[in-house]
Amino acid sequence: MEPLSSLERIRSSASAQPLADTLGSLLESSSVLFQTLVPQLHDKLQNLPSPLESYAQLIELAINQVRTWDKDLQAQFISGHPRIGETKNLSTFSAKEQGATHPTATPTPPKVLARLAHLNAYYERRYPKLVYIIFVNGRSRAEIVCVLEDHLGLEHSLSIDGPSLDAAVPVEVGSQTWLDELHRAVMDVGLIAKSRLRSLGVD
């Protein structure tokens, strides 16, 4: 990520690359981030009446910009984050947040990873076009299993395949319930990004 001293360069540079590098690290790299968010936010930053005060402000501007998009673009944006429980192709930040790189971390039991995979699939049946995003905030994957079960209204269990995916009644895409979930996920992406700033000792 660009150092704190580069905030003004990020804001005023004729090139969008410093902004792309920073947002790609804090918000997770994705095609919609680079092709849509970065150009839009770059134009907005160059027209700000005053310099950026913090990286936290930059994140807020980015999330507010995402919230102006149509629902499909916002859904693509949150899909840039890995699913909870994924173990491959994680960014450095995501691996750390999911406990995959901590030297003293106890490996996640396979049954927990299997349960998360099933719950993710169940969630994606319940909320078509969305993936489950949550600000982990130091919680283990086993703790997130319980959080996701509660979110879905399911009993706590480590059953690999229960309940059946066919039991997940889809929420209509674009309905208020679906939009509320999309909004929650976008806001949690912002919380994750601000947590990443704190881990770097900046704000």
C-alpha atoms as a PDB file:
ATOM      1  CA  MET A   1       0.000   0.000   0.000  1.00  0.00           C
ATOM      2  CA  GLU A   2       1.128   3.541  -0.654  1.00  0.00           C
ATOM      3  CA  PRO A   3       2.692   5.143   2.487  1.00  0.00           C
ATOM      4  CA  LEU A   4       0.716   7.705   4.445  1.00  0.00           C
ATOM      5  CA  SER A   5       2.908  10.493   3.095  1.00  0.00           C
ATOM      6  CA  SER A   6       1.611   9.671  -0.393  1.00  0.00           C
ATOM      7  CA  LEU A   7      -2.022  10.597   0.304  1.00  0.00           C
ATOM      8  CA  GLU A   8      -1.722  13.855  -1.594  1.00  0.00           C
ATOM      9  CA  ARG A   9      -0.012  12.108  -4.506  1.00  0.00           C
ATOM     10  CA  ILE A  10      -2.861   9.585  -4.585  1.00  0.00           C
ATOM     11  CA  ARG A  11      -5.368  12.436  -4.662  1.00  0.00           C
ATOM     12  CA  SER A  12      -3.727  14.694  -7.222  1.00  0.00           C
ATOM     13  CA  SER A  13      -1.758  12.354  -9.478  1.00  0.00           C
ATOM     14  CA  ALA A  14      -2.689  12.407 -13.151  1.00  0.00           C
ATOM     15  CA  SER A  15      -2.214   8.649 -13.051  1.00  0.00           C
ATOM     16  CA  ALA A  16      -4.759   6.440 -11.294  1.00  0.00           C
ATOM     17  CA  GLN A  17      -2.136   3.779 -10.537  1.00  0.00           C
ATOM     18  CA  PRO A  18      -1.293   4.921  -6.958  1.00  0.00           C
ATOM     19  CA  LEU A  19      -5.017   4.848  -6.140  1.00  0.00           C
ATOM     20  CA  ALA A  20      -5.432   1.432  -7.779  1.00  0.00           C
ATOM     21  CA  ASP A  21      -2.519   0.013  -5.784  1.00  0.00           C
ATOM     22  CA  THR A  22      -3.932   1.334  -2.511  1.00  0.00           C
ATOM     23  CA  LEU A  23      -7.539   0.286  -3.050  1.00  0.00           C
ATOM     24  CA  GLY A  24      -6.490  -3.089  -4.433  1.00  0.00           C
ATOM     25  CA  SER A  25      -4.748  -3.784  -1.135  1.00  0.00           C
ATOM     26  CA  LEU A  26      -7.375  -2.412   1.245  1.00  0.00           C
ATOM     27  CA  LEU A  27     -10.539  -3.506  -0.584  1.00  0.00           C
ATOM     28  CA  GLU A  28      -9.260  -6.637  -2.396  1.00  0.00           C
ATOM     29  CA  SER A  29      -8.362  -6.657  -6.071  1.00  0.00           C
ATOM     30  CA  SER A  30     -11.152  -7.283  -8.567  1.00  0.00           C
ATOM     31  CA  SER A  31     -12.033  -6.291 -12.099  1.00  0.00           C
ATOM     32  CA  VAL A  32     -14.916  -4.074 -10.991  1.00  0.00           C
ATOM     33  CA  LEU A  33     -12.640  -2.263  -8.554  1.00  0.00           C
ATOM     34  CA  PHE A  34     -10.025  -1.507 -11.210  1.00  0.00           C
ATOM     35  CA  GLN A  35     -12.394  -0.882 -14.108  1.00  0.00           C
ATOM     36  CA  THR A  36     -15.135   1.064 -12.341  1.00  0.00           C
ATOM     37  CA  LEU A  37     -14.280   2.242  -8.827  1.00  0.00           C
ATOM     38  CA  VAL A  38     -10.742   3.445  -9.475  1.00  0.00           C
ATOM     39  CA  PRO A  39     -11.597   5.656 -12.491  1.00  0.00           C
ATOM     40  CA  GLN A  40     -14.674   7.108 -10.799  1.00  0.00           C
ATOM     41  CA  LEU A  41     -12.923   7.788  -7.512  1.00  0.00           C
ATOM     42  CA  HIS A  42      -9.830   9.150  -9.254  1.00  0.00           C
ATOM     43  CA  ASP A  43     -11.963  11.786 -10.967  1.00  0.00           C
ATOM     44  CA  LYS A  44     -13.715  12.616  -7.713  1.00  0.00           C
ATOM     45  CA  LEU A  45     -10.450  12.952  -5.778  1.00  0.00           C
ATOM     46  CA  GLN A  46      -8.991  15.354  -8.292  1.00  0.00           C
ATOM     47  CA  ASN A  47     -12.002  17.601  -7.788  1.00  0.00           C
ATOM     48  CA  LEU A  48     -11.920  17.592  -3.984  1.00  0.00           C
ATOM     49  CA  PRO A  49     -11.693  21.155  -2.624  1.00  0.00           C
ATOM     50  CA  SER A  50      -9.155  20.138   0.031  1.00  0.00           C
ATOM     51  CA  PRO A  51      -6.508  17.441   0.537  1.00  0.00           C
ATOM     52  CA  LEU A  52      -7.378  14.031   1.941  1.00  0.00           C
ATOM     53  CA  GLU A  53      -6.997  13.941   5.698  1.00  0.00           C
ATOM     54  CA  SER A  54      -6.591  10.185   6.182  1.00  0.00           C
ATOM     55  CA  TYR A  55      -6.776   6.795   4.553  1.00  0.00           C
ATOM     56  CA  ALA A  56      -9.973   6.235   6.528  1.00  0.00           C
ATOM     57  CA  GLN A  57     -11.487   9.163   4.621  1.00  0.00           C
ATOM     58  CA  LEU A  58     -10.338   7.571   1.362  1.00  0.00           C
ATOM     59  CA  ILE A  59     -12.113   4.325   2.299  1.00  0.00           C
ATOM     60  CA  GLU A  60     -15.293   6.199   3.191  1.00  0.00           C
ATOM     61  CA  LEU A  61     -15.230   7.987  -0.160  1.00  0.00           C
ATOM     62  CA  ALA A  62     -14.717   4.654  -1.924  1.00  0.00           C
ATOM     63  CA  ILE A  63     -17.574   2.910  -0.101  1.00  0.00           C
ATOM     64  CA  ASN A  64     -19.902   5.861  -0.657  1.00  0.00           C
ATOM     65  CA  GLN A  65     -19.075   5.707  -4.364  1.00  0.00           C
ATOM     66  CA  VAL A  66     -19.812   1.971  -4.471  1.00  0.00           C
ATOM     67  CA  ARG A  67     -23.195   2.605  -2.856  1.00  0.00           C
ATOM     68  CA  THR A  68     -24.179   4.831  -5.812  1.00  0.00           C
ATOM     69  CA  TRP A  69     -23.830   1.870  -8.194  1.00  0.00           C
ATOM     70  CA  ASP A  70     -26.618  -0.378  -9.364  1.00  0.00           C
ATOM     71  CA  LYS A  71     -27.155  -3.566  -7.399  1.00  0.00           C
ATOM     72  CA  ASP A  72     -25.340  -5.836  -9.862  1.00  0.00           C
ATOM     73  CA  LEU A  73     -22.137  -3.802  -9.743  1.00  0.00           C
ATOM     74  CA  GLN A  74     -22.260  -3.684  -5.949  1.00  0.00           C
ATOM     75  CA  ALA A  75     -22.703  -7.456  -5.854  1.00  0.00           C
ATOM     76  CA  GLN A  76     -19.655  -7.846  -8.110  1.00  0.00           C
ATOM     77  CA  PHE A  77     -17.699  -5.557  -5.796  1.00  0.00           C
ATOM     78  CA  ILE A  78     -18.286  -7.610  -2.653  1.00  0.00           C
ATOM     79  CA  SER A  79     -17.509 -10.787  -4.581  1.00  0.00           C
ATOM     80  CA  GLY A  80     -13.926  -9.520  -4.797  1.00  0.00           C
ATOM     81  CA  HIS A  81     -13.515 -10.685  -1.194  1.00  0.00           C
ATOM     82  CA  PRO A  82     -12.829 -14.383  -0.582  1.00  0.00           C
ATOM     83  CA  ARG A  83     -15.482 -16.497   1.077  1.00  0.00           C
ATOM     84  CA  ILE A  84     -15.043 -17.174   4.771  1.00  0.00           C
ATOM     85  CA  GLY A  85     -13.169 -20.447   5.100  1.00  0.00           C
ATOM     86  CA  GLU A  86     -11.406 -20.354   1.754  1.00  0.00           C
ATOM     87  CA  THR A  87      -7.788 -21.468   2.036  1.00  0.00           C
ATOM     88  CA  LYS A  88      -6.378 -20.863  -1.443  1.00  0.00           C
ATOM     89  CA  ASN A  89      -5.485 -17.741  -3.429  1.00  0.00           C
ATOM     90  CA  LEU A  90      -5.937 -15.458  -0.423  1.00  0.00           C
ATOM     91  CA  SER A  91      -4.384 -12.005  -0.333  1.00  0.00           C
ATOM     92  CA  THR A  92      -1.879 -11.354   2.439  1.00  0.00           C
ATOM     93  CA  PHE A  93      -4.500  -9.435   4.406  1.00  0.00           C
ATOM     94  CA  SER A  94      -7.219 -12.056   3.941  1.00  0.00           C
ATOM     95  CA  ALA A  95      -4.891 -14.892   4.954  1.00  0.00           C
ATOM     96  CA  LYS A  96      -3.973 -13.032   8.125  1.00  0.00           C
ATOM     97  CA  GLU A  97      -7.595 -12.158   8.931  1.00  0.00           C
ATOM     98  CA  GLN A  98      -8.693 -15.761   8.521  1.00  0.00           C
ATOM     99  CA  GLY A  99      -5.858 -16.998  10.710  1.00  0.00           C
ATOM    100  CA  ALA A 100      -4.038 -18.763   7.902  1.00  0.00           C
ATOM    101  CA  THR A 101      -0.657 -17.114   8.480  1.00  0.00           C
ATOM    102  CA  HIS A 102      -0.506 -16.487  12.223  1.00  0.00           C
ATOM    103  CA  PRO A 103       2.524 -18.394  13.590  1.00  0.00           C
ATOM    104  CA  THR A 104       0.719 -19.510  16.757  1.00  0.00           C
ATOM    105  CA  ALA A 105      -2.689 -20.112  15.183  1.00  0.00           C
ATOM    106  CA  THR A 106      -4.210 -23.552  15.581  1.00  0.00           C
ATOM    107  CA  PRO A 107      -5.122 -24.967  12.162  1.00  0.00           C
ATOM    108  CA  THR A 108      -8.845 -24.820  11.479  1.00  0.00           C
ATOM    109  CA  PRO A 109     -10.337 -28.322  11.846  1.00  0.00           C
ATOM    110  CA  PRO A 110     -11.455 -29.809   8.519  1.00  0.00           C
ATOM    111  CA  LYS A 111     -15.019 -30.198   9.820  1.00  0.00           C
ATOM    112  CA  VAL A 112     -15.176 -26.436  10.461  1.00  0.00           C
ATOM    113  CA  LEU A 113     -13.954 -25.680   6.931  1.00  0.00           C
ATOM    114  CA  ALA A 114     -16.463 -28.169   5.527  1.00  0.00           C
ATOM    115  CA  ARG A 115     -19.273 -26.590   7.551  1.00  0.00           C
ATOM    116  CA  LEU A 116     -18.319 -23.132   6.317  1.00  0.00           C
ATOM    117  CA  ALA A 117     -18.283 -24.345   2.718  1.00  0.00           C
ATOM    118  CA  HIS A 118     -21.794 -25.741   3.155  1.00  0.00           C
ATOM    119  CA  LEU A 119     -23.050 -22.607   4.893  1.00  0.00           C
ATOM    120  CA  ASN A 120     -21.579 -20.408   2.156  1.00  0.00           C
ATOM    121  CA  ALA A 121     -23.422 -22.482  -0.445  1.00  0.00           C
ATOM    122  CA  TYR A 122     -26.629 -22.283   1.607  1.00  0.00           C
ATOM    123  CA  TYR A 123     -26.240 -18.505   1.935  1.00  0.00           C
ATOM    124  CA  GLU A 124     -25.728 -18.138  -1.799  1.00  0.00           C
ATOM    125  CA  ARG A 125     -28.939 -20.089  -2.425  1.00  0.00           C
ATOM    126  CA  ARG A 126     -30.738 -17.827   0.039  1.00  0.00           C
ATOM    127  CA  TYR A 127     -29.263 -14.638  -1.423  1.00  0.00           C
ATOM    128  CA  PRO A 128     -28.729 -15.122  -5.176  1.00  0.00           C
ATOM    129  CA  LYS A 129     -25.817 -13.135  -6.663  1.00  0.00           C
ATOM    130  CA  LEU A 130     -24.353 -12.409  -3.199  1.00  0.00           C
ATOM    131  CA  VAL A 131     -21.515 -13.972  -1.237  1.00  0.00           C
ATOM    132  CA  TYR A 132     -21.306 -13.818   2.542  1.00  0.00           C
ATOM    133  CA  ILE A 133     -19.046 -11.000   3.696  1.00  0.00           C
ATOM    134  CA  ILE A 134     -18.438 -10.222   7.347  1.00  0.00           C
ATOM    135  CA  PHE A 135     -15.927  -8.191   9.329  1.00  0.00           C
ATOM    136  CA  VAL A 136     -14.238 -11.049  11.183  1.00  0.00           C
ATOM    137  CA  ASN A 137     -12.783  -8.716  13.839  1.00  0.00           C
ATOM    138  CA  GLY A 138     -10.440 -11.319  15.291  1.00  0.00           C
ATOM    139  CA  ARG A 139     -12.978 -14.126  15.534  1.00  0.00           C
ATOM    140  CA  SER A 140     -12.000 -17.659  14.563  1.00  0.00           C
ATOM    141  CA  ARG A 141     -13.584 -19.545  11.695  1.00  0.00           C
ATOM    142  CA  ALA A 142     -15.376 -21.734  14.241  1.00  0.00           C
ATOM    143  CA  GLU A 143     -16.911 -18.612  15.796  1.00  0.00           C
ATOM    144  CA  ILE A 144     -17.955 -17.361  12.367  1.00  0.00           C
ATOM    145  CA  VAL A 145     -19.760 -20.676  11.782  1.00  0.00           C
ATOM    146  CA  CYS A 146     -22.085 -19.768  14.665  1.00  0.00           C
ATOM    147  CA  VAL A 147     -22.471 -16.188  13.427  1.00  0.00           C
ATOM    148  CA  LEU A 148     -23.430 -17.362   9.941  1.00  0.00           C
ATOM    149  CA  GLU A 149     -25.812 -19.994  11.278  1.00  0.00           C
ATOM    150  CA  ASP A 150     -27.542 -17.338  13.371  1.00  0.00           C
ATOM    151  CA  HIS A 151     -27.666 -15.038  10.351  1.00  0.00           C
ATOM    152  CA  LEU A 152     -29.387 -17.771   8.347  1.00  0.00           C
ATOM    153  CA  GLY A 153     -31.688 -18.801  11.191  1.00  0.00           C
ATOM    154  CA  LEU A 154     -30.133 -22.263  11.432  1.00  0.00           C
ATOM    155  CA  GLU A 155     -29.382 -24.384  14.476  1.00  0.00           C
ATOM    156  CA  HIS A 156     -25.749 -24.574  15.537  1.00  0.00           C
ATOM    157  CA  SER A 157     -24.147 -27.702  14.164  1.00  0.00           C
ATOM    158  CA  LEU A 158     -20.987 -29.038  12.595  1.00  0.00           C
ATOM    159  CA  SER A 159     -22.932 -31.186  10.178  1.00  0.00           C
ATOM    160  CA  ILE A 160     -21.164 -31.063   6.842  1.00  0.00           C
ATOM    161  CA  ASP A 161     -24.302 -31.099   4.723  1.00  0.00           C
ATOM    162  CA  GLY A 162     -27.265 -30.069   6.831  1.00  0.00           C
ATOM    163  CA  PRO A 163     -29.719 -28.603   6.254  1.00  0.00           C
ATOM    164  CA  SER A 164     -30.177 -29.474   2.589  1.00  0.00           C
ATOM    165  CA  LEU A 165     -29.446 -26.678   0.161  1.00  0.00           C
ATOM    166  CA  ASP A 166     -32.928 -27.242  -1.225  1.00  0.00           C
ATOM    167  CA  ALA A 167     -34.273 -25.930   2.091  1.00  0.00           C
ATOM    168  CA  ALA A 168     -32.793 -22.483   1.394  1.00  0.00           C
ATOM    169  CA  VAL A 169     -35.712 -20.385   0.145  1.00  0.00           C
ATOM    170  CA  PRO A 170     -34.264 -17.746  -2.203  1.00  0.00           C
ATOM    171  CA  VAL A 171     -34.805 -14.092  -1.403  1.00  0.00           C
ATOM    172  CA  GLU A 172     -35.917 -12.158  -4.469  1.00  0.00           C
ATOM    173  CA  VAL A 173     -33.045 -10.247  -6.041  1.00  0.00           C
ATOM    174  CA  GLY A 174     -33.696  -6.532  -5.614  1.00  0.00           C
ATOM    175  CA  SER A 175     -36.217  -6.980  -2.793  1.00  0.00           C
ATOM    176  CA  GLN A 176     -35.740  -4.909   0.347  1.00  0.00           C
ATOM    177  CA  THR A 177     -34.425  -7.911   2.261  1.00  0.00           C
ATOM    178  CA  TRP A 178     -31.897  -8.625  -0.486  1.00  0.00           C
ATOM    179  CA  LEU A 179     -30.879  -4.956  -0.715  1.00  0.00           C
ATOM    180  CA  ASP A 180     -30.460  -4.742   3.067  1.00  0.00           C
ATOM    181  CA  GLU A 181     -28.081  -7.708   2.911  1.00  0.00           C
ATOM    182  CA  LEU A 182     -26.161  -6.162   0.035  1.00  0.00           C
ATOM    183  CA  HIS A 183     -25.864  -2.898   1.978  1.00  0.00           C
ATOM    184  CA  ARG A 184     -24.613  -4.728   5.084  1.00  0.00           C
ATOM    185  CA  ALA A 185     -21.970  -6.536   3.039  1.00  0.00           C
ATOM    186  CA  VAL A 186     -20.716  -3.352   1.363  1.00  0.00           C
ATOM    187  CA  MET A 187     -20.445  -1.611   4.726  1.00  0.00           C
ATOM    188  CA  ASP A 188     -18.559  -4.587   6.166  1.00  0.00           C
ATOM    189  CA  VAL A 189     -16.045  -4.334   3.322  1.00  0.00           C
ATOM    190  CA  GLY A 190     -15.403  -0.800   4.574  1.00  0.00           C
ATOM    191  CA  LEU A 191     -14.979  -2.045   8.150  1.00  0.00           C
ATOM    192  CA  ILE A 192     -12.523  -4.690   6.951  1.00  0.00           C
ATOM    193  CA  ALA A 193     -10.516  -2.053   5.079  1.00  0.00           C
ATOM    194  CA  LYS A 194     -10.333   0.227   8.121  1.00  0.00           C
ATOM    195  CA  SER A 195      -9.209  -2.728  10.242  1.00  0.00           C
ATOM    196  CA  ARG A 196      -6.426  -3.320   7.717  1.00  0.00           C
ATOM    197  CA  LEU A 197      -5.340   0.288   8.169  1.00  0.00           C
ATOM    198  CA  ARG A 198      -5.126  -0.206  11.931  1.00  0.00           C
ATOM    199  CA  SER A 199      -3.012  -3.317  11.452  1.00  0.00           C
ATOM    200  CA  LEU A 200      -0.594  -1.106   9.481  1.00  0.00           C
ATOM    201  CA  GLY A 201      -0.606   1.538  12.202  1.00  0.00           C
ATOM    202  CA  VAL A 202      -2.282   4.202  10.059  1.00  0.00           C
ATOM    203  CA  ASP A 203      -5.754   5.740   9.938  1.00  0.00           C
END
